Amino acid sequence: MDTKQAIERLRNRKYNWLIPWEAVELIASKEGCVLKAYLCPAGIPTIGWGETDGIRLGVQWDEETADSKFCDLPNQGKLRIP
């Protein structure tokens, strides 16, 4: 699934985003969504929309897990938009 389709999927989920939708779109367009853990350019295991906390190579998520974790980032204090 390409990033535009994945962003539309996020929009259709009707999550209660704690940041403006424009910020969600910007972050999502830069991160993309990958459902199997990979090493980012900094060498950190990453999955979903950029989640790194506790991720190990070989981990796989479904779309719903990736999307809900992304939505919850502001609640965890991991994402701050001034």
C-alpha atoms as a PDB file:
ATOM      1  CA  MET A   1       0.000   0.000   0.000  1.00  0.00           C
ATOM      2  CA  ASP A   2       1.412   3.381  -0.891  1.00  0.00           C
ATOM      3  CA  THR A   3       1.650   6.243   1.586  1.00  0.00           C
ATOM      4  CA  LYS A   4      -1.312   8.190   0.157  1.00  0.00           C
ATOM      5  CA  GLN A   5      -3.569   5.148   0.568  1.00  0.00           C
ATOM      6  CA  ALA A   6      -2.244   4.561   4.089  1.00  0.00           C
ATOM      7  CA  ILE A   7      -2.956   8.188   5.051  1.00  0.00           C
ATOM      8  CA  GLU A   8      -6.492   7.804   3.703  1.00  0.00           C
ATOM      9  CA  ARG A   9      -6.811   4.655   5.823  1.00  0.00           C
ATOM     10  CA  LEU A  10      -5.803   6.730   8.882  1.00  0.00           C
ATOM     11  CA  ARG A  11      -8.426   9.353   8.020  1.00  0.00           C
ATOM     12  CA  ASN A  12     -11.127   6.697   7.665  1.00  0.00           C
ATOM     13  CA  ARG A  13     -10.367   5.198  11.085  1.00  0.00           C
ATOM     14  CA  LYS A  14     -11.901   8.256  12.800  1.00  0.00           C
ATOM     15  CA  TYR A  15      -9.344   8.188  15.619  1.00  0.00           C
ATOM     16  CA  ASN A  16      -9.425  10.962  18.200  1.00  0.00           C
ATOM     17  CA  TRP A  17      -6.155  12.615  17.181  1.00  0.00           C
ATOM     18  CA  LEU A  18      -4.642  14.880  19.831  1.00  0.00           C
ATOM     19  CA  ILE A  19      -2.730  16.826  17.204  1.00  0.00           C
ATOM     20  CA  PRO A  20      -4.103  18.651  14.142  1.00  0.00           C
ATOM     21  CA  TRP A  21      -4.898  16.413  11.181  1.00  0.00           C
ATOM     22  CA  GLU A  22      -2.443  18.430   9.066  1.00  0.00           C
ATOM     23  CA  ALA A  23       0.340  17.375  11.460  1.00  0.00           C
ATOM     24  CA  VAL A  24      -0.740  13.731  11.174  1.00  0.00           C
ATOM     25  CA  GLU A  25      -0.601  13.956   7.371  1.00  0.00           C
ATOM     26  CA  LEU A  26       2.828  15.617   7.434  1.00  0.00           C
ATOM     27  CA  ILE A  27       4.332  13.053   9.791  1.00  0.00           C
ATOM     28  CA  ALA A  28       2.722  10.146   7.933  1.00  0.00           C
ATOM     29  CA  SER A  29       3.928  11.416   4.552  1.00  0.00           C
ATOM     30  CA  LYS A  30       7.515  11.641   5.837  1.00  0.00           C
ATOM     31  CA  GLU A  31       7.556   8.362   7.809  1.00  0.00           C
ATOM     32  CA  GLY A  32       5.438   6.049   5.695  1.00  0.00           C
ATOM     33  CA  CYS A  33       4.063   2.860   7.219  1.00  0.00           C
ATOM     34  CA  VAL A  34       6.107  -0.337   7.185  1.00  0.00           C
ATOM     35  CA  LEU A  35       4.555  -3.415   8.808  1.00  0.00           C
ATOM     36  CA  LYS A  36       7.763  -5.429   9.248  1.00  0.00           C
ATOM     37  CA  ALA A  37      10.570  -4.090  11.452  1.00  0.00           C
ATOM     38  CA  TYR A  38      13.565  -2.710   9.571  1.00  0.00           C
ATOM     39  CA  LEU A  39      16.682  -0.697  10.355  1.00  0.00           C
ATOM     40  CA  CYS A  40      16.160   3.005   9.718  1.00  0.00           C
ATOM     41  CA  PRO A  41      19.062   5.063   8.288  1.00  0.00           C
ATOM     42  CA  ALA A  42      20.274   5.669  11.866  1.00  0.00           C
ATOM     43  CA  GLY A  43      20.471   1.893  12.411  1.00  0.00           C
ATOM     44  CA  ILE A  44      17.503   1.736  14.814  1.00  0.00           C
ATOM     45  CA  PRO A  45      14.880  -1.019  14.497  1.00  0.00           C
ATOM     46  CA  THR A  46      11.675   0.721  13.380  1.00  0.00           C
ATOM     47  CA  ILE A  47       8.140  -0.362  12.488  1.00  0.00           C
ATOM     48  CA  GLY A  48       4.759   1.130  11.621  1.00  0.00           C
ATOM     49  CA  TRP A  49       4.730   4.902  11.295  1.00  0.00           C
ATOM     50  CA  GLY A  50       8.188   5.269  12.877  1.00  0.00           C
ATOM     51  CA  GLU A  51       7.818   3.423  16.203  1.00  0.00           C
ATOM     52  CA  THR A  52      11.185   2.481  17.729  1.00  0.00           C
ATOM     53  CA  ASP A  53      10.400   1.810  21.387  1.00  0.00           C
ATOM     54  CA  GLY A  54      11.151  -1.842  22.165  1.00  0.00           C
ATOM     55  CA  ILE A  55      11.175  -2.873  18.494  1.00  0.00           C
ATOM     56  CA  ARG A  56      13.387  -5.747  17.350  1.00  0.00           C
ATOM     57  CA  LEU A  57      14.049  -6.967  13.840  1.00  0.00           C
ATOM     58  CA  GLY A  58      11.621  -9.705  12.855  1.00  0.00           C
ATOM     59  CA  VAL A  59       8.611  -8.052  14.543  1.00  0.00           C
ATOM     60  CA  GLN A  60       5.537  -7.697  12.336  1.00  0.00           C
ATOM     61  CA  TRP A  61       2.384  -5.626  12.877  1.00  0.00           C
ATOM     62  CA  ASP A  62      -0.927  -5.416  11.081  1.00  0.00           C
ATOM     63  CA  GLU A  63      -2.288  -2.094   9.799  1.00  0.00           C
ATOM     64  CA  GLU A  64      -4.598  -1.596  12.767  1.00  0.00           C
ATOM     65  CA  THR A  65      -1.737  -1.995  15.262  1.00  0.00           C
ATOM     66  CA  ALA A  66       0.494   0.423  13.346  1.00  0.00           C
ATOM     67  CA  ASP A  67      -2.282   3.011  13.038  1.00  0.00           C
ATOM     68  CA  SER A  68      -3.413   2.804  16.668  1.00  0.00           C
ATOM     69  CA  LYS A  69       0.189   3.084  17.930  1.00  0.00           C
ATOM     70  CA  PHE A  70       0.671   6.160  15.738  1.00  0.00           C
ATOM     71  CA  CYS A  71      -2.523   7.729  17.079  1.00  0.00           C
ATOM     72  CA  ASP A  72      -1.402   7.050  20.651  1.00  0.00           C
ATOM     73  CA  LEU A  73       2.065   8.677  20.331  1.00  0.00           C
ATOM     74  CA  PRO A  74       0.935  12.071  21.709  1.00  0.00           C
ATOM     75  CA  ASN A  75      -0.662  10.301  24.710  1.00  0.00           C
ATOM     76  CA  GLN A  76       2.682   8.678  25.480  1.00  0.00           C
ATOM     77  CA  GLY A  77       4.509  12.009  25.375  1.00  0.00           C
ATOM     78  CA  LYS A  78       6.519  10.791  22.364  1.00  0.00           C
ATOM     79  CA  LEU A  79       5.186  13.352  19.946  1.00  0.00           C
ATOM     80  CA  ARG A  80       4.949  17.045  20.636  1.00  0.00           C
ATOM     81  CA  ILE A  81       3.670  19.620  18.174  1.00  0.00           C
ATOM     82  CA  PRO A  82       4.057  23.177  19.499  1.00  0.00           C
END
